[in-house]
Protein backbone atom coordinates (compact mmCIF):
# COMPACT_ATOMS: atom_id res chain seq x y z
CA MET A 1 -35.97 -53.26 -0.33
CA LYS A 2 -39.37 -55.03 0.05
CA THR A 3 -42.40 -53.21 1.17
CA LYS A 4 -45.71 -52.24 0.35
CA GLY A 5 -47.28 -49.80 -2.26
CA ALA A 6 -50.32 -48.49 -3.37
CA ILE A 7 -50.47 -48.77 -7.80
CA LEU A 8 -52.49 -48.09 -10.30
CA TRP A 9 -52.50 -50.12 -13.11
CA GLY A 10 -54.48 -48.65 -15.99
CA THR A 11 -57.46 -45.34 -15.46
CA ASN A 12 -60.87 -46.01 -13.59
CA GLN A 13 -59.70 -48.43 -11.87
CA PRO A 14 -59.04 -48.93 -7.91
CA TRP A 15 -55.42 -48.61 -6.40
CA SER A 16 -54.02 -52.18 -5.93
CA VAL A 17 -52.04 -52.56 -2.64
CA GLU A 18 -49.17 -55.44 -2.68
CA GLU A 19 -46.14 -56.08 -2.67
CA ILE A 20 -43.43 -53.47 -4.40
CA GLU A 21 -39.67 -53.49 -4.46
CA VAL A 22 -37.55 -50.02 -3.48
CA GLY A 23 -34.49 -49.76 -4.97
CA ASP A 24 -31.21 -48.12 -2.88
CA PRO A 25 -30.47 -44.48 -3.60
CA GLN A 26 -27.62 -43.43 -6.54
CA ALA A 27 -25.95 -40.86 -6.19
CA GLY A 28 -28.29 -37.71 -5.18
CA GLU A 29 -30.54 -39.62 -3.67
CA VAL A 30 -32.23 -40.53 -0.17
CA MET A 31 -34.33 -42.77 0.83
CA VAL A 32 -37.12 -41.94 3.53
CA GLN A 33 -39.03 -44.23 5.64
CA LEU A 34 -42.20 -42.02 5.37
CA ALA A 35 -44.85 -41.25 8.73
CA ALA A 36 -47.58 -40.01 6.78
CA SER A 37 -48.79 -39.21 3.10
CA GLY A 38 -52.04 -37.14 2.34
CA LEU A 39 -54.58 -38.27 0.04
CA CYS A 40 -54.36 -35.68 -2.27
CA HIS A 41 -57.00 -34.60 -5.26
CA SER A 42 -54.28 -34.96 -8.09
CA ASP A 43 -53.86 -38.50 -7.28
CA GLU A 44 -57.38 -39.10 -8.23
CA HIS A 45 -56.62 -37.19 -11.60
CA LEU A 46 -54.74 -40.21 -12.53
CA VAL A 47 -57.29 -42.37 -11.85
CA THR A 48 -59.68 -40.58 -13.92
CA GLY A 49 -57.01 -40.27 -16.13
CA GLY A 50 -57.36 -36.51 -16.60
CA THR A 51 -53.40 -36.38 -15.86
CA PRO A 52 -51.47 -38.46 -18.28
CA ILE A 53 -48.57 -40.60 -17.14
CA GLU A 54 -47.93 -43.93 -17.71
CA MET A 55 -48.98 -47.01 -16.17
CA PRO A 56 -48.39 -48.49 -13.75
CA VAL A 57 -47.91 -45.84 -11.48
CA LEU A 58 -47.47 -45.83 -7.74
CA GLY A 59 -49.07 -43.26 -6.35
CA GLY A 60 -48.98 -40.73 -3.50
CA HIS A 61 -46.97 -36.55 -4.09
CA GLU A 62 -47.16 -35.14 -0.20
CA GLY A 63 -44.88 -36.93 2.55
CA SER A 64 -43.32 -36.80 5.13
CA GLY A 65 -40.53 -39.12 7.19
CA VAL A 66 -37.01 -39.89 8.12
CA VAL A 67 -33.91 -40.20 5.79
CA ILE A 68 -32.38 -44.28 6.66
CA LYS A 69 -30.31 -44.42 3.62
CA VAL A 70 -28.06 -41.10 1.72
CA GLY A 71 -26.63 -42.14 -1.60
CA ALA A 72 -23.09 -40.59 -2.89
CA GLY A 73 -23.10 -36.94 -3.14
CA VAL A 74 -25.80 -36.29 -1.11
CA THR A 75 -25.11 -32.43 0.66
CA GLY A 76 -27.45 -31.17 3.36
CA LEU A 77 -29.23 -34.47 4.05
CA LYS A 78 -27.92 -37.73 6.14
CA GLU A 79 -29.26 -39.57 7.84
CA GLY A 80 -31.76 -39.35 10.83
CA ASP A 81 -33.12 -35.99 9.44
CA HIS A 82 -36.38 -35.25 9.20
CA VAL A 83 -38.18 -34.42 6.18
CA VAL A 84 -40.88 -33.34 3.84
CA THR A 85 -41.21 -34.45 0.51
CA ALA A 86 -41.91 -31.77 -2.26
CA PHE A 87 -44.51 -32.32 -5.35
CA ILE A 88 -41.92 -30.45 -7.56
CA PRO A 89 -38.33 -30.64 -7.28
CA ALA A 90 -36.13 -27.79 -6.69
CA CYS A 91 -32.71 -28.10 -7.27
CA GLY A 92 -31.64 -24.47 -6.71
CA GLN A 93 -29.38 -23.76 -9.76
CA CYS A 94 -31.90 -24.00 -12.83
CA PRO A 95 -32.63 -20.31 -14.00
CA PRO A 96 -35.75 -20.59 -12.46
CA CYS A 97 -34.67 -21.27 -9.15
CA SER A 98 -32.18 -18.51 -9.35
CA ASN A 99 -34.46 -16.21 -10.00
CA GLY A 100 -36.40 -17.62 -6.97
CA HIS A 101 -39.02 -19.42 -8.79
CA GLN A 102 -38.32 -22.85 -7.14
CA ASN A 103 -41.85 -23.79 -7.90
CA LEU A 104 -40.87 -23.77 -11.32
CA CYS A 105 -37.75 -25.60 -10.91
CA ASP A 106 -36.22 -27.35 -14.90
CA LEU A 107 -36.61 -30.65 -12.44
CA GLY A 108 -40.52 -30.25 -13.03
CA ALA A 109 -40.41 -30.92 -16.76
CA ALA A 110 -39.33 -34.81 -15.50
CA LEU A 111 -42.27 -34.35 -13.41
CA LEU A 112 -45.00 -37.27 -14.97
CA SER A 113 -42.08 -39.19 -16.33
CA GLY A 114 -42.10 -41.30 -13.16
CA LYS A 115 -38.50 -41.45 -13.64
CA ALA A 116 -35.38 -40.93 -11.38
CA ILE A 117 -34.70 -37.70 -11.86
CA SER A 118 -31.04 -39.19 -11.75
CA ASP A 119 -30.54 -41.52 -14.02
CA GLY A 120 -34.19 -42.17 -15.58
CA THR A 121 -34.26 -45.44 -14.82
CA ASN A 122 -37.97 -47.06 -12.23
CA ARG A 123 -36.27 -47.23 -8.24
CA VAL A 124 -39.41 -49.07 -7.85
CA THR A 125 -40.72 -52.54 -9.11
CA ALA A 126 -43.46 -54.70 -9.25
CA LYS A 127 -44.75 -57.68 -10.64
CA GLY A 128 -41.37 -57.45 -12.35
CA GLN A 129 -41.97 -54.62 -13.90
CA GLY A 130 -40.76 -50.87 -13.55
CA VAL A 131 -43.44 -48.64 -11.46
CA GLN A 132 -43.60 -45.09 -12.34
CA THR A 133 -43.85 -42.62 -8.86
CA MET A 134 -46.30 -39.92 -9.03
CA CYS A 135 -44.41 -36.23 -9.18
CA LEU A 136 -41.05 -38.47 -8.78
CA LEU A 137 -42.20 -39.18 -5.30
CA GLY A 138 -44.81 -42.43 -4.59
CA THR A 139 -45.70 -41.40 -1.45
CA PHE A 140 -48.23 -44.60 -0.74
CA SER A 141 -45.80 -46.96 0.48
CA PRO A 142 -43.70 -46.40 3.39
CA TYR A 143 -40.66 -46.42 1.83
CA ILE A 144 -39.44 -43.69 -1.26
CA THR A 145 -36.44 -43.30 -2.90
CA VAL A 146 -35.99 -39.99 -4.06
CA HIS A 147 -33.48 -37.73 -5.47
CA GLN A 148 -32.34 -34.66 -2.80
CA ALA A 149 -34.21 -31.94 -4.85
CA SER A 150 -37.49 -33.08 -3.94
CA VAL A 151 -36.70 -33.38 -0.18
CA VAL A 152 -36.99 -30.66 2.52
CA LYS A 153 -35.06 -30.51 6.10
CA ILE A 154 -37.83 -29.84 9.11
CA GLU A 155 -37.12 -29.61 12.45
CA PRO A 156 -37.24 -33.20 14.23
CA ASP A 157 -39.90 -31.83 16.92
CA ILE A 158 -42.60 -31.25 14.48
CA PRO A 159 -44.89 -33.57 13.93
CA LEU A 160 -44.58 -36.07 10.95
CA GLU A 161 -48.47 -36.79 11.26
CA VAL A 162 -49.21 -32.90 10.21
CA ALA A 163 -46.11 -31.90 8.27
CA ALA A 164 -46.85 -34.25 5.76
CA LEU A 165 -49.63 -31.24 4.90
CA VAL A 166 -46.94 -28.86 3.86
CA GLY A 167 -45.65 -31.15 1.18
CA CYS A 168 -48.55 -30.04 -1.59
CA GLY A 169 -51.85 -29.23 -0.09
CA VAL A 170 -50.81 -26.13 2.02
CA THR A 171 -48.04 -24.51 0.46
CA THR A 172 -49.90 -24.32 -2.88
CA GLY A 173 -52.78 -22.57 -0.47
CA TRP A 174 -51.25 -20.39 1.04
CA GLY A 175 -49.21 -19.11 -1.74
CA SER A 176 -52.03 -18.94 -4.23
CA ALA A 177 -53.73 -15.84 -1.90
CA THR A 178 -50.26 -14.43 -0.25
CA LYS A 179 -48.46 -14.80 -3.03
CA VAL A 180 -49.91 -15.55 -6.09
CA ALA A 181 -52.89 -13.60 -5.22
CA ASP A 182 -50.70 -11.16 -3.54
CA VAL A 183 -54.05 -10.30 -0.59
CA ARG A 184 -53.47 -6.94 0.76
CA PRO A 185 -55.59 -6.11 3.90
CA GLY A 186 -58.29 -4.27 3.66
CA GLU A 187 -59.39 -6.43 0.45
CA ASN A 188 -62.56 -9.10 -0.59
CA VAL A 189 -61.43 -12.07 -1.70
CA VAL A 190 -63.17 -15.44 -3.00
CA ILE A 191 -62.10 -18.64 -2.88
CA MET A 192 -63.83 -21.11 -4.76
CA GLY A 193 -63.64 -25.48 -3.42
CA ALA A 194 -63.82 -25.69 0.25
CA GLY A 195 -60.91 -28.97 -0.10
CA GLY A 196 -57.35 -29.34 1.17
CA VAL A 197 -55.71 -26.68 -0.96
CA GLY A 198 -58.96 -23.95 -0.91
CA MET A 199 -59.06 -24.00 3.15
CA ASN A 200 -55.64 -23.24 3.60
CA ALA A 201 -55.69 -20.46 0.85
CA VAL A 202 -58.94 -19.05 3.76
CA GLN A 203 -56.14 -19.36 5.67
CA GLY A 204 -53.51 -17.44 3.53
CA ALA A 205 -56.30 -14.72 2.52
CA ALA A 206 -57.35 -14.30 6.81
CA ALA A 207 -53.42 -14.08 7.14
CA ALA A 208 -52.74 -11.68 4.62
CA GLY A 209 -55.44 -8.89 6.48
CA ALA A 210 -58.62 -9.95 3.78
CA LYS A 211 -61.58 -7.98 4.91
CA ARG A 212 -63.75 -10.56 4.13
CA VAL A 213 -62.78 -14.07 3.24
CA MET A 214 -65.98 -15.72 0.93
CA VAL A 215 -65.93 -19.46 0.43
CA ILE A 216 -68.18 -21.15 -2.18
CA ASP A 217 -68.24 -24.90 -1.67
CA PRO A 218 -71.79 -27.13 -2.35
CA VAL A 219 -70.74 -29.03 0.67
CA GLU A 220 -72.80 -27.82 3.78
CA ALA A 221 -70.10 -28.96 5.94
CA LYS A 222 -66.75 -28.06 4.15
CA ARG A 223 -68.64 -24.33 4.30
CA GLU A 224 -69.11 -24.88 7.59
CA TRP A 225 -65.42 -26.06 8.45
CA ALA A 226 -64.58 -22.85 6.06
CA MET A 227 -65.68 -20.87 9.12
CA GLU A 228 -63.02 -22.49 11.45
CA PHE A 229 -60.38 -21.65 9.45
CA GLY A 230 -60.91 -17.71 8.43
CA ALA A 231 -63.78 -17.49 6.72
CA THR A 232 -66.76 -14.33 7.10
CA HIS A 233 -69.33 -15.65 4.33
CA THR A 234 -69.74 -19.06 2.35
CA TYR A 235 -72.35 -20.05 -0.38
CA ALA A 236 -73.43 -23.09 -1.81
CA SER A 237 -72.85 -21.98 -5.48
CA ALA A 238 -71.07 -19.55 -7.80
CA GLU A 239 -74.68 -17.85 -8.29
CA GLU A 240 -75.87 -17.46 -4.89
CA ALA A 241 -72.24 -16.02 -4.37
CA LEU A 242 -72.88 -13.61 -7.10
CA VAL A 243 -75.57 -12.26 -5.42
CA GLY A 244 -73.77 -12.11 -1.97
CA VAL A 245 -70.66 -10.77 -2.78
CA ASN A 246 -72.97 -7.85 -4.29
CA GLU A 247 -74.62 -6.67 -1.99
CA LEU A 248 -71.64 -6.81 0.68
CA THR A 249 -69.19 -4.72 -1.61
CA TRP A 250 -71.68 -2.43 -3.22
CA GLY A 251 -71.28 -3.73 -6.22
CA ARG A 252 -67.42 -3.51 -6.79
CA MET A 253 -66.91 -7.43 -6.18
CA ALA A 254 -64.17 -8.71 -4.70
CA GLU A 255 -60.37 -7.60 -5.32
CA LYS A 256 -58.73 -11.49 -5.72
CA VAL A 257 -61.14 -14.65 -6.82
CA ILE A 258 -58.70 -18.09 -6.32
CA ILE A 259 -60.44 -20.92 -8.17
CA THR A 260 -59.07 -23.93 -5.85
CA VAL A 261 -62.00 -26.79 -7.18
CA GLY A 262 -60.69 -30.10 -7.01
CA ASP A 263 -61.77 -30.52 -10.89
CA ILE A 264 -62.05 -27.72 -12.54
CA GLN A 265 -64.25 -27.10 -15.32
CA GLY A 266 -64.26 -24.55 -18.11
CA GLU A 267 -67.06 -22.70 -16.77
CA ASN A 268 -65.44 -22.31 -13.26
CA VAL A 269 -62.52 -19.41 -15.18
CA GLN A 270 -65.81 -17.49 -16.04
CA GLU A 271 -67.74 -17.86 -12.92
CA ALA A 272 -64.58 -16.41 -11.09
CA LEU A 273 -64.18 -13.40 -13.45
CA SER A 274 -67.84 -12.29 -13.14
CA LEU A 275 -67.02 -12.23 -8.95
CA THR A 276 -63.64 -10.45 -9.58
CA GLY A 277 -63.70 -6.48 -9.57
CA LYS A 278 -63.21 -3.85 -11.64
CA GLY A 279 -58.71 -4.30 -11.91
CA GLY A 280 -59.05 -7.60 -9.76
CA ARG A 281 -57.15 -10.88 -9.95
CA THR A 282 -58.62 -14.26 -11.00
CA VAL A 283 -55.77 -17.06 -9.92
CA VAL A 284 -56.06 -20.71 -11.25
CA THR A 285 -55.23 -23.50 -8.59
CA GLY A 286 -57.12 -25.85 -9.69
CA MET A 287 -56.09 -29.05 -11.60
CA GLY A 288 -58.71 -30.14 -14.50
CA GLN A 289 -58.62 -32.79 -17.08
CA ALA A 290 -55.28 -32.32 -19.37
CA ALA A 291 -56.54 -33.14 -22.70
CA ASN A 292 -59.51 -30.44 -21.66
CA MET A 293 -58.91 -26.93 -24.28
CA ASP A 294 -62.58 -25.48 -23.43
CA VAL A 295 -62.77 -21.82 -21.40
CA LYS A 296 -66.10 -19.66 -20.92
CA LEU A 297 -64.23 -16.75 -21.03
CA SER A 298 -65.50 -13.16 -21.90
CA LEU A 299 -62.84 -11.37 -23.49
CA PHE A 300 -64.97 -8.10 -23.31
CA GLU A 301 -65.17 -8.27 -19.09
CA LEU A 302 -61.39 -9.40 -19.57
CA THR A 303 -60.41 -6.48 -21.63
CA LEU A 304 -62.71 -3.16 -20.25
CA LEU A 305 -62.05 -4.64 -16.79
CA GLN A 306 -58.54 -4.58 -16.91
CA LYS A 307 -58.91 -8.15 -15.12
CA ASP A 308 -56.02 -9.80 -14.74
CA LEU A 309 -56.07 -14.24 -15.36
CA GLN A 310 -53.15 -15.50 -13.38
CA GLY A 311 -51.91 -19.31 -12.83
CA ALA A 312 -50.36 -20.73 -10.43
CA ILE A 313 -48.10 -23.61 -9.33
CA PHE A 314 -47.17 -25.07 -5.94
CA GLY A 315 -49.28 -21.79 -4.63
CA GLY A 316 -46.20 -19.38 -6.38
CA SER A 317 -43.24 -20.98 -3.31
CA ASN A 318 -39.99 -21.43 -3.45
CA PRO A 319 -40.32 -25.14 -0.83
CA ARG A 320 -36.70 -24.60 0.63
CA ALA A 321 -38.13 -21.53 2.35
CA GLU A 322 -41.83 -21.84 2.60
CA ILE A 323 -42.00 -25.04 3.68
CA PRO A 324 -39.87 -24.31 6.95
CA ALA A 325 -41.53 -20.85 7.26
CA LEU A 326 -45.41 -22.46 7.19
CA LEU A 327 -44.42 -25.15 9.82
CA SER A 328 -42.86 -22.27 12.21
CA LEU A 329 -46.15 -20.49 12.26
CA TYR A 330 -47.89 -23.59 12.69
CA GLN A 331 -45.34 -24.37 15.91
CA GLU A 332 -46.53 -20.66 16.98
CA GLY A 333 -50.31 -21.47 16.80
CA GLN A 334 -50.33 -18.53 13.95
CA LEU A 335 -51.29 -21.88 10.96
CA LYS A 336 -53.66 -24.34 11.69
CA LEU A 337 -52.40 -27.82 10.96
CA ASP A 338 -54.02 -30.71 13.02
CA GLY A 339 -57.93 -29.99 11.84
CA LEU A 340 -57.23 -29.89 7.99
CA VAL A 341 -56.52 -34.15 8.70
CA THR A 342 -59.95 -34.82 8.73
CA LYS A 343 -59.73 -38.82 9.00
CA THR A 344 -56.78 -41.42 9.47
CA TYR A 345 -56.51 -44.48 6.58
CA LYS A 346 -54.37 -47.69 6.65
CA LEU A 347 -52.92 -48.02 3.82
CA GLU A 348 -54.55 -51.45 2.81
CA ASP A 349 -58.12 -48.67 3.28
CA ILE A 350 -56.77 -46.14 0.33
CA ASN A 351 -59.59 -46.62 -1.44
CA ASP A 352 -62.35 -45.88 0.92
CA GLY A 353 -60.02 -42.83 1.45
CA TYR A 354 -60.86 -41.98 -2.10
CA GLN A 355 -64.63 -42.85 -1.82
CA ASP A 356 -64.59 -40.31 1.09
CA MET A 357 -62.44 -37.64 -0.60
CA ARG A 358 -65.42 -37.77 -3.32
CA ASP A 359 -68.48 -37.32 -1.24
CA GLY A 360 -67.09 -34.80 0.53
CA LYS A 361 -66.63 -35.97 3.58
CA ASN A 362 -62.80 -34.80 4.16
CA ILE A 363 -60.79 -31.58 3.94
CA ARG A 364 -57.88 -34.44 3.77
CA GLY A 365 -57.72 -37.40 4.56
CA MET A 366 -54.24 -39.10 5.66
CA VAL A 367 -52.37 -42.85 5.38
CA LEU A 368 -50.35 -43.27 8.73
CA TYR A 369 -47.92 -45.73 8.52
CA SER A 370 -47.44 -48.73 10.73
CA ASP A 371 -45.00 -51.55 11.28
CA ALA A 372 -48.00 -53.84 9.42
CA ASP A 373 -47.35 -51.65 5.92
CA ARG A 374 -43.21 -52.30 6.38
């Protein structure tokens, strides 16, 4: 099928919207007509070269749509089903999946290969050559052909325009607070970074019963938005927060600190640990440069105050369970999704969307697909 897609041909280049060809589903695969795709910071790491992947690459990993074709051997999905893409596939059978850690599914080893899980070939071509797909998805196109392990069926009455958000940002942020940080009622929680992931860590911490949810972000508008999503206090910097959290907690600091900045730096780790109290936990959710091996960390403080430094991917969540559960909370008015989409874009305006993200104008930008894109 010939359609359009936003392709990155090299690092530090703009996304190029051009004609692509998406292949039919092979065994174990489905073709999905997408309604929307979120503009996540993780795709920006492809642009900067922070996340290594073979070029050219079709970006996007946060999508929702309707199944229009089904390959041989697919189970549990049929034409007409509404689905959300999961940026990490979940086979349900490997040791991590079997142990309740679908976010660590063994199929994730191919995440940045950009090639189909089923046979290791490309499903997307452009200008006569194979194109890799971000997170085995490539949602910066109105049509995708992906493995059944990469999509989760949802209820048909959920608006697809917001359902896309739980394919990455919402689930990652919410789970970072409720699962990985394991926020308990009455705890003090600090969220570093109030973007598409951080704002949902705020929602998760508030829903878990945190006494205080304290947000750090240099952008004033994001600090104001954070108050609407459950934050109780906001700070413009880690230095400002250090004073504020110290005063609020009588020197005990926060039980949980979650780092959700869009481009994590080595110094952020120590900043977070300094905000973490005795026996507390710092969760590292934000993505950084793959080649960056430098972290500032006081081993003296880590050991003597028995602090816990924990990494997190997909919020420690099982996507096949968490995606429907979060959408159910949305339907009951207990999870805010509509307000997360600050601005919508046409596919052809995707570079404007990412510039708005860099400028701090969006919580989450969203591409909405129309007949013009197909």
